[in-house]
PDB file of N, CA and C in Angstrom:
ATOM      1  N   MET A   1      18.772  -7.126  13.976  1.00  0.00           N
ATOM      2  CA  MET A   1      17.371  -7.291  14.011  1.00  0.00           C
ATOM      3  C   MET A   1      16.723  -5.939  14.041  1.00  0.00           C
ATOM      4  N   LYS A   2      15.491  -5.803  13.127  1.00  0.00           N
ATOM      5  CA  LYS A   2      14.960  -4.508  13.112  1.00  0.00           C
ATOM      6  C   LYS A   2      13.714  -4.226  14.193  1.00  0.00           C
ATOM      7  N   GLU A   3      13.244  -3.329  14.361  1.00  0.00           N
ATOM      8  CA  GLU A   3      12.287  -2.950  15.361  1.00  0.00           C
ATOM      9  C   GLU A   3      11.007  -2.514  14.387  1.00  0.00           C
ATOM     10  N   PHE A   4       9.910  -2.972  14.943  1.00  0.00           N
ATOM     11  CA  PHE A   4       8.492  -2.619  14.253  1.00  0.00           C
ATOM     12  C   PHE A   4       7.693  -2.213  15.073  1.00  0.00           C
ATOM     13  N   LEU A   5       6.632  -1.238  14.773  1.00  0.00           N
ATOM     14  CA  LEU A   5       5.606  -0.543  15.445  1.00  0.00           C
ATOM     15  C   LEU A   5       4.391  -1.443  15.019  1.00  0.00           C
ATOM     16  N   LEU A   6       3.727  -1.856  16.100  1.00  0.00           N
ATOM     17  CA  LEU A   6       2.468  -2.535  15.806  1.00  0.00           C
ATOM     18  C   LEU A   6       1.278  -1.586  16.245  1.00  0.00           C
ATOM     19  N   LEU A   7       0.283  -1.248  15.282  1.00  0.00           N
ATOM     20  CA  LEU A   7      -0.840  -0.207  15.724  1.00  0.00           C
ATOM     21  C   LEU A   7      -2.012  -1.113  15.671  1.00  0.00           C
ATOM     22  N   PHE A   8      -2.552  -1.041  16.688  1.00  0.00           N
ATOM     23  CA  PHE A   8      -3.854  -1.720  16.881  1.00  0.00           C
ATOM     24  C   PHE A   8      -5.206  -0.894  16.656  1.00  0.00           C
ATOM     25  N   ARG A   9      -5.859  -1.320  15.706  1.00  0.00           N
ATOM     26  CA  ARG A   9      -7.235  -0.384  15.335  1.00  0.00           C
ATOM     27  C   ARG A   9      -8.443  -1.299  15.605  1.00  0.00           C
ATOM     28  N   ALA A  10      -9.371  -0.781  16.093  1.00  0.00           N
ATOM     29  CA  ALA A  10     -10.740  -1.464  16.361  1.00  0.00           C
ATOM     30  C   ALA A  10     -11.866  -0.407  16.570  1.00  0.00           C
ATOM     31  N   ASP A  11     -13.079  -1.025  16.468  1.00  0.00           N
ATOM     32  CA  ASP A  11     -14.244  -0.144  16.878  1.00  0.00           C
ATOM     33  C   ASP A  11     -14.215  -0.338  18.560  1.00  0.00           C
ATOM     34  N   TYR A  12     -14.107   0.900  19.105  1.00  0.00           N
ATOM     35  CA  TYR A  12     -14.240   0.829  20.628  1.00  0.00           C
ATOM     36  C   TYR A  12     -15.410   0.205  21.209  1.00  0.00           C
ATOM     37  N   GLU A  13     -16.748   0.302  20.415  1.00  0.00           N
ATOM     38  CA  GLU A  13     -17.750  -0.383  20.807  1.00  0.00           C
ATOM     39  C   GLU A  13     -17.787  -1.814  20.663  1.00  0.00           C
ATOM     40  N   ALA A  14     -16.839  -2.543  19.985  1.00  0.00           N
ATOM     41  CA  ALA A  14     -16.571  -4.046  19.908  1.00  0.00           C
ATOM     42  C   ALA A  14     -15.656  -4.415  20.918  1.00  0.00           C
ATOM     43  N   MET A  15     -14.882  -3.763  21.595  1.00  0.00           N
ATOM     44  CA  MET A  15     -13.997  -4.016  22.575  1.00  0.00           C
ATOM     45  C   MET A  15     -14.769  -4.444  24.040  1.00  0.00           C
ATOM     46  N   PRO A  16     -13.996  -5.414  24.792  1.00  0.00           N
ATOM     47  CA  PRO A  16     -14.839  -5.768  25.998  1.00  0.00           C
ATOM     48  C   PRO A  16     -14.650  -4.513  26.838  1.00  0.00           C
ATOM     49  N   GLN A  17     -15.830  -4.206  27.641  1.00  0.00           N
ATOM     50  CA  GLN A  17     -16.015  -3.104  28.588  1.00  0.00           C
ATOM     51  C   GLN A  17     -15.376  -3.471  29.796  1.00  0.00           C
ATOM     52  N   LYS A  18     -14.933  -2.446  30.474  1.00  0.00           N
ATOM     53  CA  LYS A  18     -14.379  -2.833  31.833  1.00  0.00           C
ATOM     54  C   LYS A  18     -15.413  -2.959  32.945  1.00  0.00           C
ATOM     55  N   ASP A  19     -16.598  -2.618  32.522  1.00  0.00           N
ATOM     56  CA  ASP A  19     -17.826  -2.949  33.484  1.00  0.00           C
ATOM     57  C   ASP A  19     -17.993  -4.472  33.653  1.00  0.00           C
ATOM     58  N   ASP A  20     -17.506  -5.264  32.641  1.00  0.00           N
ATOM     59  CA  ASP A  20     -17.755  -6.714  32.592  1.00  0.00           C
ATOM     60  C   ASP A  20     -16.413  -7.345  32.970  1.00  0.00           C
ATOM     61  N   PRO A  21     -16.154  -7.458  34.414  1.00  0.00           N
ATOM     62  CA  PRO A  21     -14.925  -7.879  34.822  1.00  0.00           C
ATOM     63  C   PRO A  21     -14.526  -9.278  34.267  1.00  0.00           C
ATOM     64  N   GLU A  22     -15.417 -10.272  34.094  1.00  0.00           N
ATOM     65  CA  GLU A  22     -15.269 -11.656  33.535  1.00  0.00           C
ATOM     66  C   GLU A  22     -14.686 -11.534  32.154  1.00  0.00           C
ATOM     67  N   GLU A  23     -15.417 -10.659  31.174  1.00  0.00           N
ATOM     68  CA  GLU A  23     -14.853 -10.660  29.857  1.00  0.00           C
ATOM     69  C   GLU A  23     -13.567  -9.755  29.779  1.00  0.00           C
ATOM     70  N   TRP A  24     -13.549  -8.852  30.692  1.00  0.00           N
ATOM     71  CA  TRP A  24     -12.367  -8.031  30.613  1.00  0.00           C
ATOM     72  C   TRP A  24     -11.106  -8.873  31.066  1.00  0.00           C
ATOM     73  N   GLN A  25     -11.275  -9.781  32.113  1.00  0.00           N
ATOM     74  CA  GLN A  25     -10.147 -10.522  32.376  1.00  0.00           C
ATOM     75  C   GLN A  25      -9.796 -11.660  31.424  1.00  0.00           C
ATOM     76  N   ALA A  26     -10.686 -12.235  30.735  1.00  0.00           N
ATOM     77  CA  ALA A  26     -10.518 -13.106  29.747  1.00  0.00           C
ATOM     78  C   ALA A  26      -9.789 -12.551  28.680  1.00  0.00           C
ATOM     79  N   THR A  27     -10.014 -11.230  28.266  1.00  0.00           N
ATOM     80  CA  THR A  27      -9.325 -10.601  27.117  1.00  0.00           C
ATOM     81  C   THR A  27      -7.901 -10.305  27.388  1.00  0.00           C
ATOM     82  N   ALA A  28      -7.652  -9.814  28.789  1.00  0.00           N
ATOM     83  CA  ALA A  28      -6.435  -9.407  29.191  1.00  0.00           C
ATOM     84  C   ALA A  28      -5.701 -10.620  29.339  1.00  0.00           C
ATOM     85  N   LYS A  29      -6.071 -11.819  29.699  1.00  0.00           N
ATOM     86  CA  LYS A  29      -5.419 -13.127  29.582  1.00  0.00           C
ATOM     87  C   LYS A  29      -4.850 -13.380  28.130  1.00  0.00           C
ATOM     88  N   LYS A  30      -5.660 -13.140  27.153  1.00  0.00           N
ATOM     89  CA  LYS A  30      -5.420 -13.461  25.684  1.00  0.00           C
ATOM     90  C   LYS A  30      -4.233 -12.509  25.348  1.00  0.00           C
ATOM     91  N   TRP A  31      -4.270 -11.084  25.698  1.00  0.00           N
ATOM     92  CA  TRP A  31      -3.325 -10.198  25.294  1.00  0.00           C
ATOM     93  C   TRP A  31      -1.989 -10.623  25.995  1.00  0.00           C
ATOM     94  N   GLN A  32      -2.170 -10.924  27.291  1.00  0.00           N
ATOM     95  CA  GLN A  32      -0.788 -11.461  28.202  1.00  0.00           C
ATOM     96  C   GLN A  32      -0.383 -12.782  27.474  1.00  0.00           C
ATOM     97  N   ASP A  33      -1.024 -13.722  27.224  1.00  0.00           N
ATOM     98  CA  ASP A  33      -0.477 -14.941  26.355  1.00  0.00           C
ATOM     99  C   ASP A  33       0.085 -14.584  25.160  1.00  0.00           C
ATOM    100  N   TRP A  34      -0.392 -13.830  24.423  1.00  0.00           N
ATOM    101  CA  TRP A  34       0.243 -13.181  22.954  1.00  0.00           C
ATOM    102  C   TRP A  34       1.706 -12.665  23.141  1.00  0.00           C
ATOM    103  N   ILE A  35       1.516 -11.596  24.010  1.00  0.00           N
ATOM    104  CA  ILE A  35       2.644 -10.841  24.567  1.00  0.00           C
ATOM    105  C   ILE A  35       3.721 -11.627  24.997  1.00  0.00           C
ATOM    106  N   GLY A  36       3.285 -12.656  25.950  1.00  0.00           N
ATOM    107  CA  GLY A  36       4.214 -13.525  26.680  1.00  0.00           C
ATOM    108  C   GLY A  36       4.975 -14.468  25.612  1.00  0.00           C
ATOM    109  N   GLY A  37       4.106 -14.864  24.413  1.00  0.00           N
ATOM    110  CA  GLY A  37       4.780 -15.722  23.456  1.00  0.00           C
ATOM    111  C   GLY A  37       5.981 -14.936  22.626  1.00  0.00           C
ATOM    112  N   ILE A  38       5.485 -13.769  22.406  1.00  0.00           N
ATOM    113  CA  ILE A  38       6.665 -12.815  21.582  1.00  0.00           C
ATOM    114  C   ILE A  38       7.966 -12.518  22.471  1.00  0.00           C
ATOM    115  N   ALA A  39       7.442 -12.320  23.785  1.00  0.00           N
ATOM    116  CA  ALA A  39       8.472 -12.175  24.826  1.00  0.00           C
ATOM    117  C   ALA A  39       9.593 -13.281  24.876  1.00  0.00           C
ATOM    118  N   ALA A  40       8.852 -14.436  24.824  1.00  0.00           N
ATOM    119  CA  ALA A  40       9.707 -15.732  25.083  1.00  0.00           C
ATOM    120  C   ALA A  40      10.654 -15.953  23.959  1.00  0.00           C
ATOM    121  N   GLN A  41      10.614 -15.459  22.816  1.00  0.00           N
ATOM    122  CA  GLN A  41      11.412 -15.341  21.799  1.00  0.00           C
ATOM    123  C   GLN A  41      12.352 -14.326  21.614  1.00  0.00           C
ATOM    124  N   ASP A  42      12.214 -13.589  22.768  1.00  0.00           N
ATOM    125  CA  ASP A  42      13.034 -12.246  22.904  1.00  0.00           C
ATOM    126  C   ASP A  42      12.879 -11.325  21.849  1.00  0.00           C
ATOM    127  N   LYS A  43      11.543 -11.146  21.442  1.00  0.00           N
ATOM    128  CA  LYS A  43      11.263 -10.269  20.201  1.00  0.00           C
ATOM    129  C   LYS A  43      10.370  -9.011  20.814  1.00  0.00           C
ATOM    130  N   TRP A  44      10.108  -8.906  21.922  1.00  0.00           N
ATOM    131  CA  TRP A  44       9.414  -7.732  22.766  1.00  0.00           C
ATOM    132  C   TRP A  44      10.202  -6.671  23.029  1.00  0.00           C
ATOM    133  N   VAL A  45       9.725  -5.421  22.454  1.00  0.00           N
ATOM    134  CA  VAL A  45      10.706  -4.616  22.981  1.00  0.00           C
ATOM    135  C   VAL A  45      10.062  -3.551  23.797  1.00  0.00           C
ATOM    136  N   ALA A  46       8.819  -3.040  23.684  1.00  0.00           N
ATOM    137  CA  ALA A  46       8.307  -2.114  24.545  1.00  0.00           C
ATOM    138  C   ALA A  46       6.728  -2.260  24.478  1.00  0.00           C
ATOM    139  N   PRO A  47       5.969  -2.059  25.605  1.00  0.00           N
ATOM    140  CA  PRO A  47       4.566  -1.849  25.509  1.00  0.00           C
ATOM    141  C   PRO A  47       4.096  -0.553  25.159  1.00  0.00           C
ATOM    142  N   GLY A  48       3.068  -0.467  24.676  1.00  0.00           N
ATOM    143  CA  GLY A  48       2.302   0.914  24.619  1.00  0.00           C
ATOM    144  C   GLY A  48       1.375   1.034  25.666  1.00  0.00           C
ATOM    145  N   GLN A  49       0.516   1.809  25.460  1.00  0.00           N
ATOM    146  CA  GLN A  49      -0.450   2.190  26.231  1.00  0.00           C
ATOM    147  C   GLN A  49      -1.946   2.204  25.658  1.00  0.00           C
ATOM    148  N   GLN A  50      -3.046   1.758  26.290  1.00  0.00           N
ATOM    149  CA  GLN A  50      -4.215   1.985  25.809  1.00  0.00           C
ATOM    150  C   GLN A  50      -4.596   3.323  25.512  1.00  0.00           C
ATOM    151  N   LEU A  51      -5.264   3.736  24.314  1.00  0.00           N
ATOM    152  CA  LEU A  51      -5.502   5.048  23.910  1.00  0.00           C
ATOM    153  C   LEU A  51      -6.971   5.327  24.298  1.00  0.00           C
ATOM    154  N   ASN A  52      -7.309   6.536  24.875  1.00  0.00           N
ATOM    155  CA  ASN A  52      -8.588   6.959  24.918  1.00  0.00           C
ATOM    156  C   ASN A  52      -9.217   7.350  23.590  1.00  0.00           C
ATOM    157  N   PRO A  53     -10.336   7.071  23.346  1.00  0.00           N
ATOM    158  CA  PRO A  53     -11.178   7.206  22.000  1.00  0.00           C
ATOM    159  C   PRO A  53     -10.987   8.639  21.463  1.00  0.00           C
ATOM    160  N   GLY A  54     -11.192   9.548  22.342  1.00  0.00           N
ATOM    161  CA  GLY A  54     -11.147  10.957  21.894  1.00  0.00           C
ATOM    162  C   GLY A  54      -9.931  11.554  21.594  1.00  0.00           C
ATOM    163  N   GLY A  55      -9.686  12.701  21.121  1.00  0.00           N
ATOM    164  CA  GLY A  55      -8.547  13.398  20.877  1.00  0.00           C
ATOM    165  C   GLY A  55      -8.644  14.595  19.801  1.00  0.00           C
ATOM    166  N   LYS A  56      -7.660  15.082  19.226  1.00  0.00           N
ATOM    167  CA  LYS A  56      -7.652  16.170  18.406  1.00  0.00           C
ATOM    168  C   LYS A  56      -6.841  16.026  17.161  1.00  0.00           C
ATOM    169  N   VAL A  57      -7.209  16.421  15.902  1.00  0.00           N
ATOM    170  CA  VAL A  57      -6.256  16.363  14.726  1.00  0.00           C
ATOM    171  C   VAL A  57      -5.758  17.528  14.490  1.00  0.00           C
ATOM    172  N   VAL A  58      -4.469  17.690  14.436  1.00  0.00           N
ATOM    173  CA  VAL A  58      -3.949  18.953  13.939  1.00  0.00           C
ATOM    174  C   VAL A  58      -3.670  18.878  12.404  1.00  0.00           C
ATOM    175  N   LYS A  59      -4.180  19.725  11.682  1.00  0.00           N
ATOM    176  CA  LYS A  59      -3.832  20.005  10.200  1.00  0.00           C
ATOM    177  C   LYS A  59      -3.168  21.141   9.810  1.00  0.00           C
ATOM    178  N   THR A  60      -2.647  21.273   8.610  1.00  0.00           N
ATOM    179  CA  THR A  60      -1.861  22.398   8.120  1.00  0.00           C
ATOM    180  C   THR A  60      -2.721  23.763   8.521  1.00  0.00           C
ATOM    181  N   ASN A  61      -2.194  24.808   8.407  1.00  0.00           N
ATOM    182  CA  ASN A  61      -2.440  26.132   8.650  1.00  0.00           C
ATOM    183  C   ASN A  61      -3.307  26.231  10.040  1.00  0.00           C
ATOM    184  N   GLY A  62      -2.774  25.502  11.000  1.00  0.00           N
ATOM    185  CA  GLY A  62      -3.197  25.455  12.309  1.00  0.00           C
ATOM    186  C   GLY A  62      -4.604  25.278  12.677  1.00  0.00           C
ATOM    187  N   VAL A  63      -5.336  24.363  11.740  1.00  0.00           N
ATOM    188  CA  VAL A  63      -6.727  24.080  12.110  1.00  0.00           C
ATOM    189  C   VAL A  63      -6.669  22.721  12.918  1.00  0.00           C
ATOM    190  N   ILE A  64      -7.376  22.683  13.798  1.00  0.00           N
ATOM    191  CA  ILE A  64      -7.497  21.797  14.964  1.00  0.00           C
ATOM    192  C   ILE A  64      -9.077  21.239  14.887  1.00  0.00           C
ATOM    193  N   THR A  65      -9.106  20.063  14.820  1.00  0.00           N
ATOM    194  CA  THR A  65     -10.486  19.420  14.588  1.00  0.00           C
ATOM    195  C   THR A  65     -10.693  18.152  15.693  1.00  0.00           C
ATOM    196  N   ASP A  66     -11.821  18.015  16.058  1.00  0.00           N
ATOM    197  CA  ASP A  66     -12.080  16.799  17.120  1.00  0.00           C
ATOM    198  C   ASP A  66     -11.646  15.608  16.279  1.00  0.00           C
ATOM    199  N   GLY A  67     -11.219  14.720  16.909  1.00  0.00           N
ATOM    200  CA  GLY A  67     -10.727  13.449  16.085  1.00  0.00           C
ATOM    201  C   GLY A  67     -10.596  12.272  17.199  1.00  0.00           C
ATOM    202  N   PRO A  68      -9.971  11.345  16.843  1.00  0.00           N
ATOM    203  CA  PRO A  68      -9.282  11.202  15.567  1.00  0.00           C
ATOM    204  C   PRO A  68     -10.338  10.658  14.619  1.00  0.00           C
ATOM    205  N   TYR A  69     -10.645  11.304  13.368  1.00  0.00           N
ATOM    206  CA  TYR A  69     -11.352  10.715  12.183  1.00  0.00           C
ATOM    207  C   TYR A  69     -12.613  10.335  12.771  1.00  0.00           C
ATOM    208  N   THR A  70     -13.568  11.127  13.162  1.00  0.00           N
ATOM    209  CA  THR A  70     -14.833  10.895  13.783  1.00  0.00           C
ATOM    210  C   THR A  70     -15.833  10.170  12.844  1.00  0.00           C
ATOM    211  N   GLU A  71     -15.507  10.247  11.608  1.00  0.00           N
ATOM    212  CA  GLU A  71     -16.397   9.780  10.384  1.00  0.00           C
ATOM    213  C   GLU A  71     -16.258   8.427  10.296  1.00  0.00           C
ATOM    214  N   ILE A  72     -15.301   7.612  10.985  1.00  0.00           N
ATOM    215  CA  ILE A  72     -15.125   6.282  10.747  1.00  0.00           C
ATOM    216  C   ILE A  72     -15.282   5.706  12.306  1.00  0.00           C
ATOM    217  N   LYS A  73     -15.600   4.274  12.358  1.00  0.00           N
ATOM    218  CA  LYS A  73     -15.581   3.698  13.611  1.00  0.00           C
ATOM    219  C   LYS A  73     -14.405   3.169  14.164  1.00  0.00           C
ATOM    220  N   GLU A  74     -13.573   2.709  13.151  1.00  0.00           N
ATOM    221  CA  GLU A  74     -12.226   2.030  13.460  1.00  0.00           C
ATOM    222  C   GLU A  74     -11.267   3.224  14.015  1.00  0.00           C
ATOM    223  N   THR A  75     -10.603   2.972  15.048  1.00  0.00           N
ATOM    224  CA  THR A  75      -9.685   3.986  15.571  1.00  0.00           C
ATOM    225  C   THR A  75      -8.460   3.344  16.175  1.00  0.00           C
ATOM    226  N   LEU A  76      -7.602   4.022  16.398  1.00  0.00           N
ATOM    227  CA  LEU A  76      -6.285   3.577  16.962  1.00  0.00           C
ATOM    228  C   LEU A  76      -6.562   3.242  18.449  1.00  0.00           C
ATOM    229  N   ILE A  77      -6.389   1.972  18.719  1.00  0.00           N
ATOM    230  CA  ILE A  77      -6.852   1.718  20.246  1.00  0.00           C
ATOM    231  C   ILE A  77      -5.407   1.694  21.089  1.00  0.00           C
ATOM    232  N   SER A  78      -4.226   0.915  20.436  1.00  0.00           N
ATOM    233  CA  SER A  78      -2.953   1.094  21.358  1.00  0.00           C
ATOM    234  C   SER A  78      -1.978   0.651  20.443  1.00  0.00           C
ATOM    235  N   TYR A  79      -0.714   0.498  20.676  1.00  0.00           N
ATOM    236  CA  TYR A  79       0.403   0.194  20.038  1.00  0.00           C
ATOM    237  C   TYR A  79       1.476  -0.502  20.900  1.00  0.00           C
ATOM    238  N   CYS A  80       2.422  -1.135  20.216  1.00  0.00           N
ATOM    239  CA  CYS A  80       3.661  -1.626  20.950  1.00  0.00           C
ATOM    240  C   CYS A  80       4.742  -1.806  19.979  1.00  0.00           C
ATOM    241  N   THR A  81       6.002  -1.956  20.422  1.00  0.00           N
ATOM    242  CA  THR A  81       7.112  -2.341  19.682  1.00  0.00           C
ATOM    243  C   THR A  81       7.626  -3.677  19.775  1.00  0.00           C
ATOM    244  N   ILE A  82       8.088  -4.319  18.651  1.00  0.00           N
ATOM    245  CA  ILE A  82       8.588  -5.472  18.856  1.00  0.00           C
ATOM    246  C   ILE A  82       9.823  -5.464  17.939  1.00  0.00           C
ATOM    247  N   LYS A  83      10.474  -6.573  17.898  1.00  0.00           N
ATOM    248  CA  LYS A  83      11.777  -6.937  16.946  1.00  0.00           C
ATOM    249  C   LYS A  83      11.536  -8.105  16.136  1.00  0.00           C
ATOM    250  N   ALA A  84      11.943  -8.089  15.027  1.00  0.00           N
ATOM    251  CA  ALA A  84      12.033  -9.292  14.065  1.00  0.00           C
ATOM    252  C   ALA A  84      12.978  -9.088  12.928  1.00  0.00           C
ATOM    253  N   GLU A  85      13.419 -10.132  12.296  1.00  0.00           N
ATOM    254  CA  GLU A  85      14.099 -10.161  11.094  1.00  0.00           C
ATOM    255  C   GLU A  85      13.676  -9.355   9.939  1.00  0.00           C
ATOM    256  N   SER A  86      12.533  -9.331   9.694  1.00  0.00           N
ATOM    257  CA  SER A  86      11.843  -8.906   8.559  1.00  0.00           C
ATOM    258  C   SER A  86      10.352  -8.303   8.718  1.00  0.00           C
ATOM    259  N   LEU A  87       9.833  -7.579   7.842  1.00  0.00           N
ATOM    260  CA  LEU A  87       8.357  -7.139   7.847  1.00  0.00           C
ATOM    261  C   LEU A  87       7.461  -8.414   7.884  1.00  0.00           C
ATOM    262  N   GLU A  88       7.880  -9.476   6.974  1.00  0.00           N
ATOM    263  CA  GLU A  88       7.041 -10.538   6.964  1.00  0.00           C
ATOM    264  C   GLU A  88       7.047 -11.209   8.253  1.00  0.00           C
ATOM    265  N   GLU A  89       8.168 -11.428   9.111  1.00  0.00           N
ATOM    266  CA  GLU A  89       8.229 -12.081  10.279  1.00  0.00           C
ATOM    267  C   GLU A  89       7.304 -11.224  11.398  1.00  0.00           C
ATOM    268  N   ALA A  90       7.621  -9.781  11.387  1.00  0.00           N
ATOM    269  CA  ALA A  90       6.849  -9.197  12.254  1.00  0.00           C
ATOM    270  C   ALA A  90       5.211  -9.142  11.923  1.00  0.00           C
ATOM    271  N   ALA A  91       4.854  -9.267  10.782  1.00  0.00           N
ATOM    272  CA  ALA A  91       3.408  -9.500  10.271  1.00  0.00           C
ATOM    273  C   ALA A  91       2.814 -10.790  10.992  1.00  0.00           C
ATOM    274  N   ASP A  92       3.903 -11.857  10.771  1.00  0.00           N
ATOM    275  CA  ASP A  92       3.587 -13.187  11.304  1.00  0.00           C
ATOM    276  C   ASP A  92       3.199 -13.182  12.750  1.00  0.00           C
ATOM    277  N   LEU A  93       4.138 -12.393  13.466  1.00  0.00           N
ATOM    278  CA  LEU A  93       3.874 -12.266  14.920  1.00  0.00           C
ATOM    279  C   LEU A  93       2.530 -11.648  15.324  1.00  0.00           C
ATOM    280  N   ALA A  94       2.140 -10.860  14.446  1.00  0.00           N
ATOM    281  CA  ALA A  94       0.928  -9.948  14.726  1.00  0.00           C
ATOM    282  C   ALA A  94      -0.351 -10.739  14.351  1.00  0.00           C
ATOM    283  N   THR A  95      -0.230 -11.886  13.713  1.00  0.00           N
ATOM    284  CA  THR A  95      -1.334 -12.780  13.396  1.00  0.00           C
ATOM    285  C   THR A  95      -1.962 -13.356  14.586  1.00  0.00           C
ATOM    286  N   GLY A  96      -1.378 -13.517  15.738  1.00  0.00           N
ATOM    287  CA  GLY A  96      -2.019 -14.007  17.008  1.00  0.00           C
ATOM    288  C   GLY A  96      -2.615 -13.032  17.681  1.00  0.00           C
ATOM    289  N   CYS A  97      -2.500 -11.760  17.405  1.00  0.00           N
ATOM    290  CA  CYS A  97      -3.111 -10.623  18.286  1.00  0.00           C
ATOM    291  C   CYS A  97      -4.580 -10.811  18.579  1.00  0.00           C
ATOM    292  N   PRO A  98      -4.930 -10.728  19.871  1.00  0.00           N
ATOM    293  CA  PRO A  98      -6.285 -10.712  20.080  1.00  0.00           C
ATOM    294  C   PRO A  98      -7.230  -9.754  19.503  1.00  0.00           C
ATOM    295  N   ILE A  99      -6.760  -8.473  19.084  1.00  0.00           N
ATOM    296  CA  ILE A  99      -7.537  -7.506  18.480  1.00  0.00           C
ATOM    297  C   ILE A  99      -8.249  -7.927  17.256  1.00  0.00           C
ATOM    298  N   LEU A 100      -7.615  -9.122  16.549  1.00  0.00           N
ATOM    299  CA  LEU A 100      -8.153  -9.792  15.508  1.00  0.00           C
ATOM    300  C   LEU A 100      -9.487 -10.262  15.742  1.00  0.00           C
ATOM    301  N   THR A 101      -9.671 -10.917  17.064  1.00  0.00           N
ATOM    302  CA  THR A 101     -10.921 -11.691  17.332  1.00  0.00           C
ATOM    303  C   THR A 101     -12.163 -10.774  17.542  1.00  0.00           C
ATOM    304  N   VAL A 102     -11.997  -9.429  17.676  1.00  0.00           N
ATOM    305  CA  VAL A 102     -13.066  -8.373  17.668  1.00  0.00           C
ATOM    306  C   VAL A 102     -13.082  -7.616  16.457  1.00  0.00           C
ATOM    307  N   GLY A 103     -12.715  -8.128  15.367  1.00  0.00           N
ATOM    308  CA  GLY A 103     -12.930  -7.344  14.239  1.00  0.00           C
ATOM    309  C   GLY A 103     -11.968  -6.263  13.939  1.00  0.00           C
ATOM    310  N   GLY A 104     -10.706  -6.184  14.888  1.00  0.00           N
ATOM    311  CA  GLY A 104      -9.749  -5.174  14.531  1.00  0.00           C
ATOM    312  C   GLY A 104      -8.801  -5.676  13.613  1.00  0.00           C
ATOM    313  N   ASN A 105      -7.776  -4.765  13.638  1.00  0.00           N
ATOM    314  CA  ASN A 105      -6.458  -5.155  12.736  1.00  0.00           C
ATOM    315  C   ASN A 105      -5.294  -4.513  13.362  1.00  0.00           C
ATOM    316  N   VAL A 106      -4.191  -5.124  12.872  1.00  0.00           N
ATOM    317  CA  VAL A 106      -2.971  -4.710  13.345  1.00  0.00           C
ATOM    318  C   VAL A 106      -2.033  -4.022  12.048  1.00  0.00           C
ATOM    319  N   GLU A 107      -1.648  -2.901  12.286  1.00  0.00           N
ATOM    320  CA  GLU A 107      -0.668  -2.321  11.071  1.00  0.00           C
ATOM    321  C   GLU A 107       0.608  -2.553  11.598  1.00  0.00           C
ATOM    322  N   VAL A 108       1.468  -3.038  10.722  1.00  0.00           N
ATOM    323  CA  VAL A 108       2.825  -3.187  11.087  1.00  0.00           C
ATOM    324  C   VAL A 108       3.725  -2.344  10.209  1.00  0.00           C
ATOM    325  N   ARG A 109       4.421  -1.676  11.162  1.00  0.00           N
ATOM    326  CA  ARG A 109       5.563  -0.754  10.292  1.00  0.00           C
ATOM    327  C   ARG A 109       6.976  -0.828  10.896  1.00  0.00           C
ATOM    328  N   GLU A 110       7.737  -0.923   9.887  1.00  0.00           N
ATOM    329  CA  GLU A 110       9.287  -0.746  10.425  1.00  0.00           C
ATOM    330  C   GLU A 110       9.654   0.533  10.872  1.00  0.00           C
ATOM    331  N   ILE A 111      10.468   0.498  12.070  1.00  0.00           N
ATOM    332  CA  ILE A 111      10.932   1.862  12.436  1.00  0.00           C
ATOM    333  C   ILE A 111      12.327   2.191  11.802  1.00  0.00           C
ATOM    334  N   ASP A 112      12.334   3.158  11.119  1.00  0.00           N
ATOM    335  CA  ASP A 112      13.461   3.497  10.561  1.00  0.00           C
ATOM    336  C   ASP A 112      14.484   4.025  11.469  1.00  0.00           C
ATOM    337  N   ALA A 113      15.601   3.176  11.559  1.00  0.00           N
ATOM    338  CA  ALA A 113      16.784   3.592  12.452  1.00  0.00           C
ATOM    339  C   ALA A 113      17.740   4.518  12.069  1.00  0.00           C
ATOM    340  N   SER A 114      17.586   5.095  10.731  1.00  0.00           N
ATOM    341  CA  SER A 114      18.458   5.973  10.306  1.00  0.00           C
ATOM    342  C   SER A 114      18.516   7.382  10.784  1.00  0.00           C
TER     343      SER A 114
END
């Protein structure tokens, strides 16, 4: 079985805010249920962490800019690692991700084990 990195992207403004406990708990439950479904199939490898919206981008020649990519709204929110037989299966597992309900997307990348 291969490992895949799932990268979750969305507009931070579209995400449920922690100051709304009811909405936050409902969203957390959706994530727990989705992750639980993957784990029940023994395909969950490692959780990621939620990322803060700010950061820096390091470019060639030592150029450091505010980032990531402040000119676009969609940004990397979080990530995790799963296992699957193929890229197609990993993408299929990602179709239930709650990030999709707020207009976000999931990038699925195979981890090169070589």
